[in-house]
Amino acid sequence: MLKTLIKIRLQGILLRQTKSSKNSKSSIGKIILMIFLFAYVAVVFIGMFGLLFSTLIEPLHLMGIDWMYFSVMSIIIIMLCFIGSIFLTHHEIYEAKDNELLLAMPISNRDILLSRVFTILILNYVYEILVAAPAFYIYITRVGMGIVEIFMFIGVFLTLPLFVLALSCLFSWLLAHVMVRVKMKNVIAIVLFMVFMFVYFYAVNSIEEYINWLIMHGQSIASAIEKGIFPLYHLSIALESGNIISFLIYLACAIIPFAIVIYILSTNFIKMATTKAKVKKVQYVAKPMKANSVKKALLVREVKHFTSNAMVVLNGAMGTILCILACVGVVFYADSLKMILKEVPELKEMMTPILCLVVISASSLNMISASSISLEGDRFWIIKSLPVSSKDILDIKLALHGVLCIPAGILLSIVLIVIFQTSIFDSLFILLAPIILTLLIDFIGLLLNLWKPKFDWVNETVCVKQSMPVVITMFVSMGLAVAIAMLYGILLVDIMSIYTYMYIVIAVTLLLDIALYYLICTWGVRQFDAL
């Protein structure tokens, strides 16, 4: 039964990635595409970590602290597995929708819990191999390992995710208790995602600096690990010299916390699976009723619907998130950016077009309107039955994209204007750039969604990740910034100044905005009525 449950859960994860509609089966093409996508990501991460470990191995070996090489490897594995599986752990163990159904069947609670735990564990092994494989290859080819150390490395590979899983379960338990008491769950999920994204970008940009710092302070860091994180120290000593006692100490530190967590979860599983969030009873107090206009009521409906699913927000409004992260990054690296301008004075002459391109690039990943029709799903008949004109409905769909995306682009423009102290005239163009581009993507996305709506989705995330309108809009919007830069750099750099080119691009974009909106008001209304 345990084997069957694990198989079902893994199939469910695969189906969520490959099955896009209720009535269709997972196509071989989509499965092959997903395999190629995951293989590409794996190659990128393995190459990145391989470069990191190849940089570390020589100086650490020369300093005689080879064991710290394995400590760094273990820390990276713990961080990657923890960040990669924390939300899945929360979903699979604490918020699974099939808990009551499974508990009603003749299946032991132990098998239900272990099937969820092993599913997360398999995912952790996938994350771990991205780090452990290049680390093992670099060490065995540069330094060498005996047969005992190799077997110990395999033991570490199999047991280290157990410790990470114990941490994930503990953190997810705390997160579950917070979520029960908080109304805006999606806001918390989005904020956590933004924090992780900022930490990731910061780590990637600072990795060379930290490698140099790690090499320069290797001895002091090694001493700190030996005294403060003794399980990792014993793990590292075991892998470096084949020390059996250190290996047994590490195993105890990895397995015992996992066993304790599993025991606690198993004794409280029924309570966790059946506990519902407490609903606070509110006594009705009569207040004066406020009437909204039809358009305002529709816009509030659209905003609430779109923001009710964190995954929909993260995929549909990624550009808004990137603009906010870019604001933080620009403020954080303001001195470095100004230093680059001093070292390369030619950039100062092209400052306004470059800043416009930065804002356009950050805003280009907003695709809310490309799925706004499809998100209605089997409730589409409700909005069509309202005593509201089709044009008003489409205007509100467009307004949703603008309301959620334009302010973030303007905020990034303001930050860039303040940091680089551009003139009033140039500042107007930097402020105008995200508005006209956002409107262009808004109009393109809605037209494509009217052309190919998708109402038979399995879950809402499919609409914002796998539907044809979203994919086309994504390639068009991402290609715009590249095309604008390449067109000038390859063909027009010797014909006109960059500022003249910028004015032409803005004028053409405005004309396209007007033409596409006219198309929505004519063909779009007829197409909406025909759906």
Protein backbone atom coordinates (compact mmCIF):
# COMPACT_ATOMS: atom_id res chain seq x y z
CA MET A 1 0.00 0.00 0.00
CA LEU A 2 2.85 2.38 0.81
CA LYS A 3 4.42 1.74 -2.60
CA THR A 4 1.08 2.37 -4.31
CA LEU A 5 0.50 5.65 -2.45
CA ILE A 6 3.99 6.92 -3.31
CA LYS A 7 3.41 6.01 -6.98
CA ILE A 8 0.06 7.87 -7.00
CA ARG A 9 1.56 11.00 -5.43
CA LEU A 10 4.45 11.07 -7.91
CA GLN A 11 2.02 10.59 -10.80
CA GLY A 12 -0.05 13.47 -9.43
CA ILE A 13 2.99 15.76 -9.43
CA LEU A 14 3.81 14.70 -13.01
CA LEU A 15 0.21 15.23 -14.17
CA ARG A 16 0.13 18.72 -12.70
CA GLN A 17 3.08 19.57 -14.92
CA THR A 18 1.94 17.85 -18.14
CA LYS A 19 -1.87 17.70 -18.13
CA SER A 20 -3.41 21.02 -19.13
CA SER A 21 -7.13 20.26 -19.46
CA LYS A 22 -9.73 18.07 -17.78
CA ASN A 23 -10.63 16.07 -20.86
CA SER A 24 -7.18 15.53 -22.36
CA LYS A 25 -4.46 13.09 -21.45
CA SER A 26 -0.85 14.00 -20.86
CA SER A 27 0.69 14.15 -24.31
CA ILE A 28 4.01 12.50 -25.11
CA GLY A 29 5.20 15.80 -26.55
CA LYS A 30 4.63 17.66 -23.28
CA ILE A 31 6.33 14.92 -21.29
CA ILE A 32 9.36 15.02 -23.61
CA LEU A 33 9.40 18.84 -23.41
CA MET A 34 9.35 18.71 -19.60
CA ILE A 35 12.18 16.16 -19.61
CA PHE A 36 14.29 18.42 -21.83
CA LEU A 37 13.46 21.42 -19.64
CA PHE A 38 14.46 19.65 -16.41
CA ALA A 39 17.60 18.30 -18.11
CA TYR A 40 18.57 21.82 -19.16
CA VAL A 41 18.06 23.17 -15.63
CA ALA A 42 20.05 20.24 -14.21
CA VAL A 43 22.97 20.87 -16.59
CA VAL A 44 23.01 24.58 -15.68
CA PHE A 45 23.04 23.91 -11.93
CA ILE A 46 25.60 21.09 -12.17
CA GLY A 47 27.87 23.33 -14.26
CA MET A 48 27.46 26.23 -11.81
CA PHE A 49 28.26 24.11 -8.75
CA GLY A 50 31.07 22.32 -10.60
CA LEU A 51 32.72 25.69 -11.26
CA LEU A 52 32.31 26.64 -7.60
CA PHE A 53 33.89 23.43 -6.26
CA SER A 54 36.72 23.45 -8.81
CA THR A 55 37.59 26.96 -7.55
CA LEU A 56 37.55 25.88 -3.90
CA ILE A 57 39.36 22.55 -3.97
CA GLU A 58 42.92 23.76 -4.67
CA PRO A 59 43.27 26.49 -2.00
CA LEU A 60 41.56 24.36 0.66
CA HIS A 61 43.81 21.41 -0.18
CA LEU A 62 46.91 23.61 0.01
CA MET A 63 45.80 24.91 3.43
CA GLY A 64 45.33 21.32 4.65
CA ILE A 65 41.62 21.67 5.37
CA ASP A 66 40.16 19.35 2.73
CA TRP A 67 37.35 18.47 5.13
CA MET A 68 35.94 22.01 4.84
CA TYR A 69 35.29 21.28 1.15
CA PHE A 70 32.67 18.75 2.25
CA SER A 71 31.30 21.18 4.84
CA VAL A 72 30.64 23.75 2.10
CA MET A 73 29.04 21.03 -0.02
CA SER A 74 26.76 19.99 2.86
CA ILE A 75 25.72 23.57 3.66
CA ILE A 76 24.76 24.18 0.02
CA ILE A 77 22.78 20.92 -0.09
CA ILE A 78 20.92 21.78 3.11
CA MET A 79 20.04 25.27 1.88
CA LEU A 80 18.97 24.12 -1.62
CA CYS A 81 16.84 21.22 -0.33
CA PHE A 82 15.26 23.35 2.39
CA ILE A 83 14.32 26.25 0.09
CA GLY A 84 13.25 23.91 -2.71
CA SER A 85 10.96 21.72 -0.63
CA ILE A 86 9.61 23.97 2.13
CA PHE A 87 6.38 24.90 0.33
CA LEU A 88 5.85 21.36 -0.98
CA THR A 89 6.27 20.03 2.57
CA HIS A 90 3.64 22.47 3.81
CA HIS A 91 1.27 21.47 0.99
CA GLU A 92 1.81 17.69 1.13
CA ILE A 93 1.69 17.21 4.90
CA TYR A 94 -0.37 20.04 6.35
CA GLU A 95 -2.70 21.14 3.54
CA ALA A 96 -3.27 18.04 1.38
CA LYS A 97 -6.82 18.03 -0.03
CA ASP A 98 -7.23 14.25 0.00
CA ASN A 99 -6.58 13.73 3.73
CA GLU A 100 -10.19 13.02 4.69
CA LEU A 101 -10.71 10.76 1.66
CA LEU A 102 -7.66 8.63 2.50
CA LEU A 103 -8.53 8.49 6.21
CA ALA A 104 -11.96 7.10 5.29
CA MET A 105 -10.30 4.17 3.48
CA PRO A 106 -8.81 1.03 5.07
CA ILE A 107 -5.30 2.52 4.91
CA SER A 108 -3.07 2.93 7.94
CA ASN A 109 -2.19 6.45 9.02
CA ARG A 110 1.46 5.44 8.92
CA ASP A 111 1.30 4.62 5.20
CA ILE A 112 -0.50 7.88 4.39
CA LEU A 113 2.08 9.96 6.26
CA LEU A 114 5.11 8.05 4.96
CA SER A 115 3.87 8.31 1.36
CA ARG A 116 3.88 12.10 1.69
CA VAL A 117 7.26 12.13 3.45
CA PHE A 118 8.93 9.86 0.88
CA THR A 119 7.57 11.97 -1.98
CA ILE A 120 9.28 15.05 -0.49
CA LEU A 121 12.39 12.97 0.20
CA ILE A 122 12.64 11.92 -3.46
CA LEU A 123 12.48 15.57 -4.48
CA ASN A 124 15.25 16.36 -1.98
CA TYR A 125 17.43 13.66 -3.54
CA VAL A 126 16.94 15.35 -6.92
CA TYR A 127 18.10 18.67 -5.46
CA GLU A 128 20.97 16.99 -3.64
CA ILE A 129 22.40 15.27 -6.71
CA LEU A 130 22.76 18.67 -8.45
CA VAL A 131 25.33 19.59 -5.77
CA ALA A 132 26.76 16.25 -4.67
CA ALA A 133 27.53 14.92 -8.18
CA PRO A 134 29.87 17.77 -9.26
CA ALA A 135 31.39 17.95 -5.76
CA PHE A 136 32.17 14.22 -5.79
CA TYR A 137 33.58 14.33 -9.34
CA ILE A 138 35.83 17.32 -8.64
CA TYR A 139 37.20 15.84 -5.41
CA ILE A 140 37.82 12.31 -6.69
CA THR A 141 39.59 13.58 -9.84
CA ARG A 142 41.66 16.28 -8.10
CA VAL A 143 42.44 14.63 -4.73
CA GLY A 144 41.14 11.07 -4.80
CA MET A 145 39.06 8.93 -2.43
CA GLY A 146 39.46 5.42 -1.03
CA ILE A 147 36.77 2.76 -1.15
CA VAL A 148 35.78 3.45 2.49
CA GLU A 149 35.35 7.16 1.85
CA ILE A 150 33.28 6.44 -1.28
CA PHE A 151 30.89 4.23 0.69
CA MET A 152 30.67 6.92 3.37
CA PHE A 153 29.90 9.51 0.67
CA ILE A 154 27.02 7.31 -0.50
CA GLY A 155 25.84 7.06 3.11
CA VAL A 156 25.94 10.85 3.46
CA PHE A 157 24.06 11.23 0.17
CA LEU A 158 21.28 8.95 1.43
CA THR A 159 20.96 10.41 4.93
CA LEU A 160 21.62 14.17 4.64
CA PRO A 161 18.15 14.86 3.11
CA LEU A 162 16.62 13.18 6.19
CA PHE A 163 17.98 15.97 8.37
CA VAL A 164 16.78 18.60 5.87
CA LEU A 165 13.33 17.00 5.83
CA ALA A 166 13.16 17.24 9.60
CA LEU A 167 13.95 20.97 9.36
CA SER A 168 11.36 21.43 6.58
CA CYS A 169 8.66 19.67 8.61
CA LEU A 170 9.42 21.84 11.64
CA PHE A 171 9.36 25.07 9.63
CA SER A 172 6.21 23.97 7.78
CA TRP A 173 4.54 23.22 11.11
CA LEU A 174 5.29 26.79 12.25
CA LEU A 175 4.12 28.11 8.87
CA ALA A 176 0.88 26.12 9.13
CA HIS A 177 0.13 27.61 12.56
CA VAL A 178 0.80 31.12 11.22
CA MET A 179 -1.35 30.55 8.12
CA VAL A 180 -4.33 29.46 10.23
CA ARG A 181 -4.30 32.81 12.04
CA VAL A 182 -3.56 35.03 9.06
CA LYS A 183 -6.13 36.12 6.50
CA MET A 184 -3.79 37.16 3.67
CA LYS A 185 -2.06 33.83 3.06
CA ASN A 186 -1.24 34.66 -0.54
CA VAL A 187 0.51 37.87 0.50
CA ILE A 188 2.77 35.89 2.85
CA ALA A 189 3.56 33.36 0.10
CA ILE A 190 4.40 36.13 -2.39
CA VAL A 191 6.55 38.02 0.14
CA LEU A 192 8.47 34.83 1.02
CA PHE A 193 9.00 34.16 -2.69
CA MET A 194 10.32 37.71 -3.19
CA VAL A 195 12.69 37.31 -0.24
CA PHE A 196 14.02 34.03 -1.65
CA MET A 197 14.41 35.62 -5.11
CA PHE A 198 16.33 38.59 -3.68
CA VAL A 199 18.61 36.30 -1.66
CA TYR A 200 19.19 34.16 -4.78
CA PHE A 201 20.07 37.14 -7.01
CA TYR A 202 22.27 38.60 -4.30
CA ALA A 203 24.07 35.28 -3.83
CA VAL A 204 24.63 34.85 -7.58
CA ASN A 205 26.01 38.40 -7.95
CA SER A 206 28.24 38.07 -4.88
CA ILE A 207 29.44 34.49 -5.34
CA GLU A 208 32.93 35.46 -6.57
CA GLU A 209 33.38 37.85 -3.66
CA TYR A 210 32.35 35.19 -1.15
CA ILE A 211 34.59 32.56 -2.73
CA ASN A 212 37.57 34.87 -2.31
CA TRP A 213 36.52 35.66 1.25
CA LEU A 214 36.12 31.95 1.98
CA ILE A 215 39.59 31.22 0.66
CA MET A 216 41.20 34.11 2.58
CA HIS A 217 39.52 33.20 5.89
CA GLY A 218 39.57 29.44 5.43
CA GLN A 219 41.29 28.63 8.73
CA SER A 220 39.00 30.80 10.89
CA ILE A 221 35.87 29.48 9.16
CA ALA A 222 37.08 25.93 9.62
CA SER A 223 37.56 26.60 13.33
CA ALA A 224 34.04 28.05 13.58
CA ILE A 225 32.51 25.01 11.86
CA GLU A 226 34.45 22.64 14.10
CA LYS A 227 33.24 24.35 17.27
CA GLY A 228 29.75 25.52 16.28
CA ILE A 229 28.41 23.00 13.74
CA PHE A 230 29.93 19.76 14.94
CA PRO A 231 27.65 17.42 12.88
CA LEU A 232 28.97 18.96 9.64
CA TYR A 233 32.49 18.80 11.01
CA HIS A 234 32.20 15.06 11.72
CA LEU A 235 30.55 14.51 8.32
CA SER A 236 33.48 16.25 6.66
CA ILE A 237 36.14 14.41 8.66
CA ALA A 238 34.48 11.09 7.80
CA LEU A 239 34.53 11.85 4.07
CA GLU A 240 38.05 13.25 4.12
CA SER A 241 39.82 10.56 6.18
CA GLY A 242 37.33 7.68 6.48
CA ASN A 243 36.90 8.16 10.24
CA ILE A 244 34.28 5.59 11.36
CA ILE A 245 33.51 7.29 14.71
CA SER A 246 32.91 10.66 13.06
CA PHE A 247 30.66 8.97 10.49
CA LEU A 248 28.59 7.33 13.25
CA ILE A 249 28.28 10.68 15.10
CA TYR A 250 27.05 12.31 11.88
CA LEU A 251 24.54 9.50 11.24
CA ALA A 252 23.12 9.92 14.73
CA CYS A 253 22.73 13.68 14.20
CA ALA A 254 20.99 13.13 10.84
CA ILE A 255 18.72 10.17 11.61
CA ILE A 256 17.62 10.84 15.22
CA PRO A 257 15.98 14.27 14.49
CA PHE A 258 14.22 12.71 11.47
CA ALA A 259 12.94 9.80 13.57
CA ILE A 260 11.68 12.17 16.29
CA VAL A 261 9.86 14.37 13.76
CA ILE A 262 8.24 11.35 12.06
CA TYR A 263 7.11 10.01 15.45
CA ILE A 264 5.58 13.37 16.42
CA LEU A 265 3.85 13.69 13.05
CA SER A 266 2.49 10.13 13.18
CA THR A 267 1.01 10.59 16.66
CA ASN A 268 -0.67 13.85 15.61
CA PHE A 269 -1.49 13.05 11.99
CA ILE A 270 -5.26 12.65 12.37
CA LYS A 271 -5.49 15.91 14.30
CA MET A 272 -3.40 17.72 11.65
CA ALA A 273 -5.35 16.22 8.77
CA THR A 274 -8.80 17.03 10.13
CA THR A 275 -8.21 20.36 11.89
CA LYS A 276 -9.83 23.26 10.12
CA ALA A 277 -8.95 26.89 10.45
CA LYS A 278 -10.94 28.63 13.15
CA VAL A 279 -13.58 30.98 11.88
CA LYS A 280 -14.14 34.02 14.02
CA LYS A 281 -17.80 34.77 14.60
CA VAL A 282 -18.61 38.37 13.87
CA GLN A 283 -21.78 40.00 15.09
CA TYR A 284 -23.52 41.90 12.35
CA VAL A 285 -23.74 45.64 12.92
CA ALA A 286 -25.93 47.63 10.58
CA LYS A 287 -24.00 50.27 8.66
CA PRO A 288 -24.88 52.58 5.79
CA MET A 289 -24.62 50.66 2.51
CA LYS A 290 -22.23 51.95 -0.12
CA ALA A 291 -22.97 51.48 -3.78
CA ASN A 292 -20.08 51.18 -6.24
CA SER A 293 -20.24 51.91 -9.92
CA VAL A 294 -20.51 48.90 -12.24
CA LYS A 295 -16.93 49.25 -13.47
CA LYS A 296 -15.50 49.62 -9.96
CA ALA A 297 -17.42 46.56 -8.76
CA LEU A 298 -16.13 44.53 -11.74
CA LEU A 299 -12.56 45.69 -11.14
CA VAL A 300 -12.74 44.72 -7.45
CA ARG A 301 -14.05 41.31 -8.54
CA GLU A 302 -11.17 40.87 -10.98
CA VAL A 303 -8.53 41.88 -8.44
CA LYS A 304 -9.91 39.53 -5.76
CA HIS A 305 -10.14 36.65 -8.23
CA PHE A 306 -6.61 37.12 -9.57
CA THR A 307 -4.97 37.58 -6.15
CA SER A 308 -6.80 34.60 -4.59
CA ASN A 309 -4.14 32.19 -5.90
CA ALA A 310 -0.48 32.92 -5.09
CA MET A 311 0.80 30.78 -7.98
CA VAL A 312 -1.35 32.72 -10.45
CA VAL A 313 0.07 36.00 -9.13
CA LEU A 314 3.66 34.75 -9.21
CA ASN A 315 3.38 33.55 -12.81
CA GLY A 316 1.13 36.26 -14.24
CA ALA A 317 2.70 39.27 -12.51
CA MET A 318 6.37 38.26 -12.41
CA GLY A 319 7.30 41.58 -14.02
CA THR A 320 5.77 43.48 -11.09
CA ILE A 321 7.80 41.37 -8.67
CA LEU A 322 10.99 41.92 -10.69
CA CYS A 323 10.39 45.69 -10.72
CA ILE A 324 10.13 45.71 -6.92
CA LEU A 325 13.25 43.54 -6.57
CA ALA A 326 15.04 45.79 -9.08
CA CYS A 327 14.17 48.83 -6.95
CA VAL A 328 15.78 47.19 -3.93
CA GLY A 329 18.78 46.09 -6.01
CA VAL A 330 19.34 49.55 -7.53
CA VAL A 331 19.26 51.18 -4.08
CA PHE A 332 21.50 48.45 -2.66
CA TYR A 333 24.09 48.72 -5.46
CA ALA A 334 23.73 52.48 -6.09
CA ASP A 335 27.38 53.24 -5.32
CA SER A 336 28.64 50.46 -7.58
CA LEU A 337 26.43 51.60 -10.45
CA LYS A 338 27.63 55.20 -10.10
CA MET A 339 31.22 53.94 -10.08
CA ILE A 340 30.61 52.14 -13.38
CA LEU A 341 29.34 55.40 -14.88
CA LYS A 342 32.53 57.18 -13.83
CA GLU A 343 34.73 54.44 -15.27
CA VAL A 344 32.75 54.27 -18.55
CA PRO A 345 31.74 57.88 -19.36
CA GLU A 346 30.28 56.79 -22.71
CA LEU A 347 27.35 55.26 -20.82
CA LYS A 348 26.40 58.66 -19.42
CA GLU A 349 25.65 59.91 -22.93
CA MET A 350 23.14 57.06 -23.39
CA MET A 351 21.76 57.16 -19.85
CA THR A 352 18.08 57.87 -20.62
CA PRO A 353 17.67 55.16 -23.33
CA ILE A 354 19.48 52.63 -21.12
CA LEU A 355 17.25 53.38 -18.13
CA CYS A 356 14.16 53.15 -20.34
CA LEU A 357 15.38 49.75 -21.57
CA VAL A 358 15.97 48.58 -17.99
CA VAL A 359 12.41 49.45 -16.97
CA ILE A 360 10.99 47.88 -20.14
CA SER A 361 12.96 44.66 -19.55
CA ALA A 362 11.81 44.38 -15.93
CA SER A 363 8.18 45.06 -16.87
CA SER A 364 8.13 42.65 -19.81
CA LEU A 365 7.24 39.57 -17.75
CA ASN A 366 3.70 40.75 -16.88
CA MET A 367 1.12 38.61 -18.67
CA ILE A 368 -2.06 39.08 -16.63
CA SER A 369 -4.36 39.96 -19.54
CA ALA A 370 -3.20 36.91 -21.54
CA SER A 371 -5.05 34.63 -19.11
CA SER A 372 -7.81 36.93 -17.80
CA ILE A 373 -10.52 35.41 -20.06
CA SER A 374 -9.36 31.82 -19.53
CA LEU A 375 -9.34 32.22 -15.73
CA GLU A 376 -13.13 32.51 -15.80
CA GLY A 377 -13.22 28.78 -16.56
CA ASP A 378 -16.61 27.15 -16.12
CA ARG A 379 -17.84 30.38 -14.49
CA PHE A 380 -17.56 32.29 -17.76
CA TRP A 381 -21.35 32.20 -18.23
CA ILE A 382 -21.76 34.26 -15.04
CA ILE A 383 -19.89 37.30 -16.34
CA LYS A 384 -21.61 37.01 -19.72
CA SER A 385 -25.04 37.00 -18.07
CA LEU A 386 -24.41 40.26 -16.20
CA PRO A 387 -26.22 43.38 -17.46
CA VAL A 388 -22.90 44.88 -18.53
CA SER A 389 -21.70 45.58 -22.06
CA SER A 390 -18.97 43.40 -23.52
CA LYS A 391 -16.75 46.45 -24.04
CA ASP A 392 -16.98 47.36 -20.34
CA ILE A 393 -15.99 43.80 -19.38
CA LEU A 394 -12.97 43.89 -21.70
CA ASP A 395 -12.01 47.35 -20.40
CA ILE A 396 -11.99 45.97 -16.86
CA LYS A 397 -9.83 43.01 -17.97
CA LEU A 398 -7.38 45.53 -19.40
CA ALA A 399 -7.61 47.71 -16.29
CA LEU A 400 -6.67 44.74 -14.06
CA HIS A 401 -3.37 44.37 -15.91
CA GLY A 402 -2.68 48.10 -15.74
CA VAL A 403 -3.58 48.53 -12.07
CA LEU A 404 -1.33 45.66 -10.96
CA CYS A 405 1.61 46.32 -13.30
CA ILE A 406 1.98 50.02 -14.14
CA PRO A 407 2.60 51.28 -10.54
CA ALA A 408 5.56 48.90 -10.08
CA GLY A 409 7.12 50.09 -13.35
CA ILE A 410 6.63 53.74 -12.37
CA LEU A 411 8.18 53.01 -8.96
CA LEU A 412 11.28 51.53 -10.63
CA SER A 413 11.44 54.57 -12.95
CA ILE A 414 11.30 56.96 -9.98
CA VAL A 415 14.07 55.07 -8.17
CA LEU A 416 16.28 55.19 -11.27
CA ILE A 417 15.55 58.91 -11.75
CA VAL A 418 16.49 59.69 -8.15
CA ILE A 419 19.62 57.52 -8.13
CA PHE A 420 21.00 58.78 -11.47
CA GLN A 421 19.61 62.35 -11.13
CA THR A 422 18.30 62.68 -14.69
CA SER A 423 16.87 65.94 -16.04
CA ILE A 424 13.13 66.72 -15.96
CA PHE A 425 12.78 66.16 -19.71
CA ASP A 426 14.60 62.80 -19.61
CA SER A 427 12.66 61.78 -16.49
CA LEU A 428 9.39 62.15 -18.39
CA PHE A 429 10.53 59.59 -20.96
CA ILE A 430 11.75 57.19 -18.24
CA LEU A 431 8.32 57.45 -16.58
CA LEU A 432 6.51 57.05 -19.91
CA ALA A 433 8.41 53.91 -20.99
CA PRO A 434 6.83 51.38 -18.56
CA ILE A 435 3.34 52.78 -19.13
CA ILE A 436 3.28 52.48 -22.92
CA LEU A 437 5.01 49.07 -22.90
CA THR A 438 2.70 47.69 -20.21
CA LEU A 439 -0.31 48.83 -22.22
CA LEU A 440 1.12 47.20 -25.36
CA ILE A 441 1.58 43.84 -23.60
CA ASP A 442 -1.85 44.31 -22.00
CA PHE A 443 -3.56 44.71 -25.38
CA ILE A 444 -1.59 41.92 -27.08
CA GLY A 445 -2.33 39.48 -24.23
CA LEU A 446 -6.07 40.16 -24.21
CA LEU A 447 -6.36 39.85 -28.01
CA LEU A 448 -4.52 36.52 -27.95
CA ASN A 449 -6.69 35.27 -25.08
CA LEU A 450 -9.85 36.23 -26.98
CA TRP A 451 -8.45 34.35 -29.98
CA LYS A 452 -7.54 31.15 -28.07
CA PRO A 453 -9.30 31.00 -24.67
CA LYS A 454 -8.82 27.92 -22.48
CA PHE A 455 -11.74 27.12 -20.19
CA ASP A 456 -11.25 23.37 -19.49
CA TRP A 457 -8.13 23.74 -17.35
CA VAL A 458 -7.25 21.35 -14.52
CA ASN A 459 -6.20 24.17 -12.19
CA GLU A 460 -5.77 27.92 -12.54
CA THR A 461 -2.01 27.68 -12.69
CA VAL A 462 -2.30 26.02 -16.11
CA CYS A 463 -3.84 29.22 -17.53
CA VAL A 464 -0.87 31.35 -16.54
CA LYS A 465 1.86 28.82 -17.39
CA GLN A 466 0.89 26.54 -20.27
CA SER A 467 -1.86 28.17 -22.37
CA MET A 468 -0.97 29.33 -25.89
CA PRO A 469 -1.86 33.04 -25.34
CA VAL A 470 0.45 33.26 -22.33
CA VAL A 471 3.34 31.52 -24.10
CA ILE A 472 3.06 33.76 -27.18
CA THR A 473 2.69 36.90 -25.06
CA MET A 474 5.73 35.90 -23.02
CA PHE A 475 7.94 35.46 -26.08
CA VAL A 476 6.66 38.70 -27.65
CA SER A 477 7.13 40.77 -24.48
CA MET A 478 10.56 39.33 -23.67
CA GLY A 479 11.64 39.73 -27.29
CA LEU A 480 10.63 43.40 -27.42
CA ALA A 481 13.47 44.65 -25.25
CA VAL A 482 16.00 42.49 -27.10
CA ALA A 483 14.65 43.52 -30.51
CA ILE A 484 14.69 47.23 -29.61
CA ALA A 485 18.34 47.04 -28.51
CA MET A 486 19.52 44.84 -31.41
CA LEU A 487 17.74 46.86 -34.09
CA TYR A 488 19.64 49.98 -33.11
CA GLY A 489 22.95 48.28 -32.35
CA ILE A 490 23.09 46.35 -35.64
CA LEU A 491 21.29 48.48 -38.24
CA LEU A 492 20.73 52.05 -37.06
CA VAL A 493 23.72 52.98 -34.90
CA ASP A 494 25.43 54.78 -37.82
CA ILE A 495 22.24 56.32 -39.19
CA MET A 496 20.70 58.18 -36.25
CA SER A 497 21.44 59.15 -32.65
CA ILE A 498 20.22 56.91 -29.86
CA TYR A 499 17.90 59.65 -28.58
CA THR A 500 16.23 60.03 -31.98
CA TYR A 501 15.78 56.27 -32.05
CA MET A 502 14.25 56.37 -28.55
CA TYR A 503 11.71 59.01 -29.62
CA ILE A 504 10.76 56.94 -32.67
CA VAL A 505 10.34 53.77 -30.57
CA ILE A 506 8.09 55.59 -28.09
CA ALA A 507 6.01 57.13 -30.90
CA VAL A 508 5.61 53.76 -32.69
CA THR A 509 4.64 52.06 -29.44
CA LEU A 510 1.98 54.70 -28.76
CA LEU A 511 0.54 54.21 -32.26
CA LEU A 512 0.50 50.43 -31.72
CA ASP A 513 -1.31 50.93 -28.40
CA ILE A 514 -4.01 53.00 -30.12
CA ALA A 515 -4.38 50.52 -33.00
CA LEU A 516 -4.59 47.46 -30.74
CA TYR A 517 -7.12 49.09 -28.41
CA TYR A 518 -9.26 49.95 -31.46
CA LEU A 519 -9.01 46.28 -32.50
CA ILE A 520 -10.19 45.19 -29.05
CA CYS A 521 -13.16 47.58 -29.20
CA THR A 522 -14.23 46.16 -32.59
CA TRP A 523 -13.08 42.61 -33.31
CA GLY A 524 -12.48 41.87 -29.62
CA VAL A 525 -16.05 42.72 -28.63
CA ARG A 526 -17.46 40.55 -31.44
CA GLN A 527 -15.16 37.67 -30.49
CA PHE A 528 -16.14 37.96 -26.81
CA ASP A 529 -19.84 37.86 -27.72
CA ALA A 530 -19.23 34.75 -29.83
CA LEU A 531 -17.51 32.78 -27.04
